C-alpha atoms as a PDB file:
ATOM      1  CA  UNK A   1      -8.524 -12.738  -9.764  1.00  0.00           C
ATOM      2  CA  UNK A   2      -7.096  -9.432  -8.629  1.00  0.00           C
ATOM      3  CA  UNK A   3      -4.818  -8.796  -5.589  1.00  0.00           C
ATOM      4  CA  UNK A   4      -4.196  -5.570  -3.758  1.00  0.00           C
ATOM      5  CA  UNK A   5      -1.464  -5.060  -1.229  1.00  0.00           C
ATOM      6  CA  UNK A   6      -2.373  -2.076   0.958  1.00  0.00           C
ATOM      7  CA  UNK A   7       0.954  -0.866   2.446  1.00  0.00           C
ATOM      8  CA  UNK A   8       1.190   2.162   4.811  1.00  0.00           C
ATOM      9  CA  UNK A   9       4.233   4.293   4.433  1.00  0.00           C
ATOM     10  CA  UNK A  10       7.069   3.460   6.929  1.00  0.00           C
ATOM     11  CA  UNK A  11       7.903   5.342  10.027  1.00  0.00           C
ATOM     12  CA  UNK A  12       8.546   9.065   9.285  1.00  0.00           C
ATOM     13  CA  UNK A  13      10.329  11.964  10.977  1.00  0.00           C
ATOM     14  CA  UNK A  14       8.052  13.839  13.254  1.00  0.00           C
ATOM     15  CA  UNK A  15       8.988  17.252  11.620  1.00  0.00           C
ATOM     16  CA  UNK A  16       9.315  18.571   8.173  1.00  0.00           C
ATOM     17  CA  UNK A  17       8.563  21.850   6.262  1.00  0.00           C
ATOM     18  CA  UNK A  18       4.973  20.512   5.840  1.00  0.00           C
ATOM     19  CA  UNK A  19       3.240  17.263   6.487  1.00  0.00           C
ATOM     20  CA  UNK A  20       3.781  16.227   2.810  1.00  0.00           C
ATOM     21  CA  UNK A  21       7.541  17.031   3.081  1.00  0.00           C
ATOM     22  CA  UNK A  22       8.127  14.587   6.107  1.00  0.00           C
ATOM     23  CA  UNK A  23      10.948  12.171   5.383  1.00  0.00           C
ATOM     24  CA  UNK A  24      11.473   8.522   6.509  1.00  0.00           C
ATOM     25  CA  UNK A  25      13.202   8.041   9.922  1.00  0.00           C
ATOM     26  CA  UNK A  26      16.199   5.633   9.889  1.00  0.00           C
ATOM     27  CA  UNK A  27      13.711   3.083  11.586  1.00  0.00           C
ATOM     28  CA  UNK A  28      11.380   3.652   8.624  1.00  0.00           C
ATOM     29  CA  UNK A  29      14.081   3.118   6.061  1.00  0.00           C
ATOM     30  CA  UNK A  30      15.208  -0.142   7.813  1.00  0.00           C
ATOM     31  CA  UNK A  31      11.475  -1.263   8.077  1.00  0.00           C
ATOM     32  CA  UNK A  32      10.830  -0.581   4.339  1.00  0.00           C
ATOM     33  CA  UNK A  33      13.788  -2.618   3.371  1.00  0.00           C
ATOM     34  CA  UNK A  34      12.698  -5.593   5.323  1.00  0.00           C
ATOM     35  CA  UNK A  35       9.229  -5.273   3.996  1.00  0.00           C
ATOM     36  CA  UNK A  36      10.564  -5.397   0.464  1.00  0.00           C
ATOM     37  CA  UNK A  37      12.662  -8.494   1.523  1.00  0.00           C
ATOM     38  CA  UNK A  38       9.515 -10.141   3.130  1.00  0.00           C
ATOM     39  CA  UNK A  39       7.350  -9.326  -0.019  1.00  0.00           C
ATOM     40  CA  UNK A  40      10.288 -10.985  -2.290  1.00  0.00           C
ATOM     41  CA  UNK A  41      10.682 -14.064  -0.015  1.00  0.00           C
ATOM     42  CA  UNK A  42       6.812 -14.439  -0.276  1.00  0.00           C
ATOM     43  CA  UNK A  43       7.234 -14.503  -4.098  1.00  0.00           C
ATOM     44  CA  UNK A  44       4.749 -11.480  -4.405  1.00  0.00           C
ATOM     45  CA  UNK A  45       5.406  -9.824  -7.710  1.00  0.00           C
ATOM     46  CA  UNK A  46       3.271  -6.583  -8.197  1.00  0.00           C
ATOM     47  CA  UNK A  47       2.440  -5.705 -11.758  1.00  0.00           C
ATOM     48  CA  UNK A  48       2.431  -1.894 -10.613  1.00  0.00           C
ATOM     49  CA  UNK A  49       3.066  -0.101  -7.392  1.00  0.00           C
ATOM     50  CA  UNK A  50       1.013   2.983  -6.946  1.00  0.00           C
ATOM     51  CA  UNK A  51       2.296   5.487  -4.026  1.00  0.00           C
ATOM     52  CA  UNK A  52       1.350   8.752  -2.725  1.00  0.00           C
ATOM     53  CA  UNK A  53       3.914  11.470  -3.807  1.00  0.00           C
ATOM     54  CA  UNK A  54       4.381  12.528  -0.177  1.00  0.00           C
ATOM     55  CA  UNK A  55       8.136  11.983   0.662  1.00  0.00           C
ATOM     56  CA  UNK A  56       7.546   9.432   3.252  1.00  0.00           C
ATOM     57  CA  UNK A  57       5.295   7.191   0.931  1.00  0.00           C
ATOM     58  CA  UNK A  58       7.331   7.848  -2.259  1.00  0.00           C
ATOM     59  CA  UNK A  59      10.581   6.653  -0.282  1.00  0.00           C
ATOM     60  CA  UNK A  60       8.876   3.809   1.171  1.00  0.00           C
ATOM     61  CA  UNK A  61       7.664   2.666  -2.344  1.00  0.00           C
ATOM     62  CA  UNK A  62      11.267   3.282  -3.885  1.00  0.00           C
ATOM     63  CA  UNK A  63      12.923   0.981  -1.201  1.00  0.00           C
ATOM     64  CA  UNK A  64      10.300  -1.915  -1.582  1.00  0.00           C
ATOM     65  CA  UNK A  65      10.362  -1.588  -5.483  1.00  0.00           C
ATOM     66  CA  UNK A  66      14.326  -1.655  -5.104  1.00  0.00           C
ATOM     67  CA  UNK A  67      13.995  -4.835  -3.020  1.00  0.00           C
ATOM     68  CA  UNK A  68      11.590  -6.383  -5.434  1.00  0.00           C
ATOM     69  CA  UNK A  69      13.777  -5.641  -8.430  1.00  0.00           C
ATOM     70  CA  UNK A  70      10.807  -3.614 -10.188  1.00  0.00           C
ATOM     71  CA  UNK A  71      10.707  -0.159 -11.899  1.00  0.00           C
ATOM     72  CA  UNK A  72       6.994  -0.475 -12.129  1.00  0.00           C
ATOM     73  CA  UNK A  73       6.104   2.375  -9.917  1.00  0.00           C
ATOM     74  CA  UNK A  74       3.845   5.468 -10.239  1.00  0.00           C
ATOM     75  CA  UNK A  75       3.497   8.302  -7.761  1.00  0.00           C
ATOM     76  CA  UNK A  76       0.066   9.790  -7.393  1.00  0.00           C
ATOM     77  CA  UNK A  77      -0.498  13.041  -5.629  1.00  0.00           C
ATOM     78  CA  UNK A  78      -4.139  12.140  -5.180  1.00  0.00           C
ATOM     79  CA  UNK A  79      -3.397   9.435  -2.680  1.00  0.00           C
ATOM     80  CA  UNK A  80      -2.174  11.956  -0.235  1.00  0.00           C
ATOM     81  CA  UNK A  81      -5.092  13.012   2.004  1.00  0.00           C
ATOM     82  CA  UNK A  82      -7.667  10.983  -0.040  1.00  0.00           C
ATOM     83  CA  UNK A  83     -11.037  10.037   1.321  1.00  0.00           C
ATOM     84  CA  UNK A  84     -12.218   6.461   1.491  1.00  0.00           C
ATOM     85  CA  UNK A  85     -14.682   7.157  -1.509  1.00  0.00           C
ATOM     86  CA  UNK A  86     -11.978   8.749  -3.594  1.00  0.00           C
ATOM     87  CA  UNK A  87      -9.607   5.932  -2.804  1.00  0.00           C
ATOM     88  CA  UNK A  88     -12.235   3.358  -3.992  1.00  0.00           C
ATOM     89  CA  UNK A  89     -12.843   5.253  -7.074  1.00  0.00           C
ATOM     90  CA  UNK A  90      -8.901   5.343  -7.598  1.00  0.00           C
ATOM     91  CA  UNK A  91      -8.970   1.453  -7.232  1.00  0.00           C
ATOM     92  CA  UNK A  92     -11.802   1.073  -9.617  1.00  0.00           C
ATOM     93  CA  UNK A  93     -10.027   2.970 -12.299  1.00  0.00           C
ATOM     94  CA  UNK A  94      -6.820   0.652 -12.207  1.00  0.00           C
ATOM     95  CA  UNK A  95      -6.138  -0.621 -15.616  1.00  0.00           C
ATOM     96  CA  UNK A  96      -7.337  -4.308 -15.802  1.00  0.00           C
ATOM     97  CA  UNK A  97      -4.134  -5.334 -17.451  1.00  0.00           C
ATOM     98  CA  UNK A  98      -2.796  -5.507 -13.850  1.00  0.00           C
ATOM     99  CA  UNK A  99      -3.468  -8.441 -11.793  1.00  0.00           C
ATOM    100  CA  UNK A 100      -1.476  -7.685  -8.700  1.00  0.00           C
ATOM    101  CA  UNK A 101      -1.006  -4.191  -7.595  1.00  0.00           C
ATOM    102  CA  UNK A 102       0.459  -2.444  -4.416  1.00  0.00           C
ATOM    103  CA  UNK A 103      -0.922   0.838  -2.990  1.00  0.00           C
ATOM    104  CA  UNK A 104       1.462   2.758  -0.625  1.00  0.00           C
ATOM    105  CA  UNK A 105      -0.527   5.532   1.278  1.00  0.00           C
ATOM    106  CA  UNK A 106      -1.428   7.012   4.539  1.00  0.00           C
ATOM    107  CA  UNK A 107      -3.667   6.421   7.556  1.00  0.00           C
ATOM    108  CA  UNK A 108      -6.517   6.593   8.351  1.00  0.00           C
ATOM    109  CA  UNK A 109      -7.699   5.938   4.623  1.00  0.00           C
ATOM    110  CA  UNK A 110      -5.370   3.019   4.038  1.00  0.00           C
ATOM    111  CA  UNK A 111      -6.628   1.162   6.993  1.00  0.00           C
ATOM    112  CA  UNK A 112     -10.410   2.071   6.151  1.00  0.00           C
ATOM    113  CA  UNK A 113     -10.024   0.907   2.589  1.00  0.00           C
ATOM    114  CA  UNK A 114      -8.435  -2.402   3.452  1.00  0.00           C
ATOM    115  CA  UNK A 115     -11.124  -3.049   5.957  1.00  0.00           C
ATOM    116  CA  UNK A 116     -13.965  -1.779   3.592  1.00  0.00           C
ATOM    117  CA  UNK A 117     -12.863  -3.839   0.767  1.00  0.00           C
ATOM    118  CA  UNK A 118     -12.192  -7.047   2.710  1.00  0.00           C
ATOM    119  CA  UNK A 119     -13.611  -9.508   4.955  1.00  0.00           C
ATOM    120  CA  UNK A 120     -11.548  -8.203   7.959  1.00  0.00           C
ATOM    121  CA  UNK A 121     -11.447  -5.661  10.608  1.00  0.00           C
ATOM    122  CA  UNK A 122      -7.955  -4.795  11.478  1.00  0.00           C
ATOM    123  CA  UNK A 123      -8.296  -1.313  13.519  1.00  0.00           C
ATOM    124  CA  UNK A 124      -4.969  -0.039  12.288  1.00  0.00           C
ATOM    125  CA  UNK A 125      -2.502  -0.734   9.631  1.00  0.00           C
ATOM    126  CA  UNK A 126       0.796   0.138  11.446  1.00  0.00           C
ATOM    127  CA  UNK A 127       3.584   1.861   9.635  1.00  0.00           C
ATOM    128  CA  UNK A 128       5.165  -0.145   6.809  1.00  0.00           C
ATOM    129  CA  UNK A 129       2.320  -2.670   7.541  1.00  0.00           C
ATOM    130  CA  UNK A 130       1.198  -4.909   4.524  1.00  0.00           C
ATOM    131  CA  UNK A 131      -2.307  -5.968   4.045  1.00  0.00           C
ATOM    132  CA  UNK A 132      -2.978  -8.259   1.135  1.00  0.00           C
ATOM    133  CA  UNK A 133      -6.537  -8.782  -0.169  1.00  0.00           C
ATOM    134  CA  UNK A 134      -7.671 -11.071  -3.187  1.00  0.00           C
ATOM    135  CA  UNK A 135     -10.736 -10.387  -5.139  1.00  0.00           C
ATOM    136  CA  UNK A 136     -12.648 -13.029  -7.465  1.00  0.00           C
ATOM    137  CA  UNK A 137     -13.306 -10.570 -10.065  1.00  0.00           C
ATOM    138  CA  UNK A 138     -11.924  -9.850 -13.558  1.00  0.00           C
ATOM    139  CA  UNK A 139     -12.125  -5.922 -13.438  1.00  0.00           C
ATOM    140  CA  UNK A 140     -10.919  -3.561 -10.619  1.00  0.00           C
ATOM    141  CA  UNK A 141     -14.254  -1.734 -11.476  1.00  0.00           C
ATOM    142  CA  UNK A 142     -16.197  -4.624  -9.921  1.00  0.00           C
ATOM    143  CA  UNK A 143     -14.574  -4.146  -6.495  1.00  0.00           C
ATOM    144  CA  UNK A 144     -17.260  -3.254  -3.789  1.00  0.00           C
ATOM    145  CA  UNK A 145     -17.589  -3.287   0.013  1.00  0.00           C
ATOM    146  CA  UNK A 146     -16.603  -6.815   1.622  1.00  0.00           C
ATOM    147  CA  UNK A 147     -15.713  -8.226  -1.888  1.00  0.00           C
ATOM    148  CA  UNK A 148     -12.124  -9.191  -1.043  1.00  0.00           C
ATOM    149  CA  UNK A 149     -10.622 -11.936   1.213  1.00  0.00           C
ATOM    150  CA  UNK A 150      -7.614 -11.064   3.295  1.00  0.00           C
ATOM    151  CA  UNK A 151      -4.549 -13.205   2.156  1.00  0.00           C
ATOM    152  CA  UNK A 152      -1.669 -11.355   4.171  1.00  0.00           C
ATOM    153  CA  UNK A 153      -1.308  -9.117   7.184  1.00  0.00           C
ATOM    154  CA  UNK A 154       2.159  -8.292   8.160  1.00  0.00           C
ATOM    155  CA  UNK A 155       3.857  -5.354   9.956  1.00  0.00           C
ATOM    156  CA  UNK A 156       7.481  -4.752  11.563  1.00  0.00           C
ATOM    157  CA  UNK A 157       6.572  -5.419  15.153  1.00  0.00           C
ATOM    158  CA  UNK A 158       5.516  -9.031  14.106  1.00  0.00           C
ATOM    159  CA  UNK A 159       9.229  -9.856  13.652  1.00  0.00           C
END
């Protein structure tokens, strides 16, 4: 069994030097902290958190990792502005020593990947939304379209 928690970065400021450099808004920081607390309360312990290196995604990841008391965090520039095909290929290359991973990235691809790999149609993963998918496989390389089952969907406006 493998689990992936797809997490969209928290709410960001509207402006930045570039899109890549946009920081989290205060609401985004608060939402990321609450998401981390929710994940901890749900007893979800990722073996690794992969995050886009864009400022808003990286800060979301750091806040969530802090709430989960983990330093298992890798920033991946390739997760910023990535296509669905490349996102799926990224997942297929995840080391199989990990059972449970989180991927913190951006729309539209984070929503597309969550839908493509699961049995669900969610339309939109809101900012700081969490969509968990479980796969009955032994290797991430075996992931394919519709191969996962949704096990969680949570986002700030639900609370």
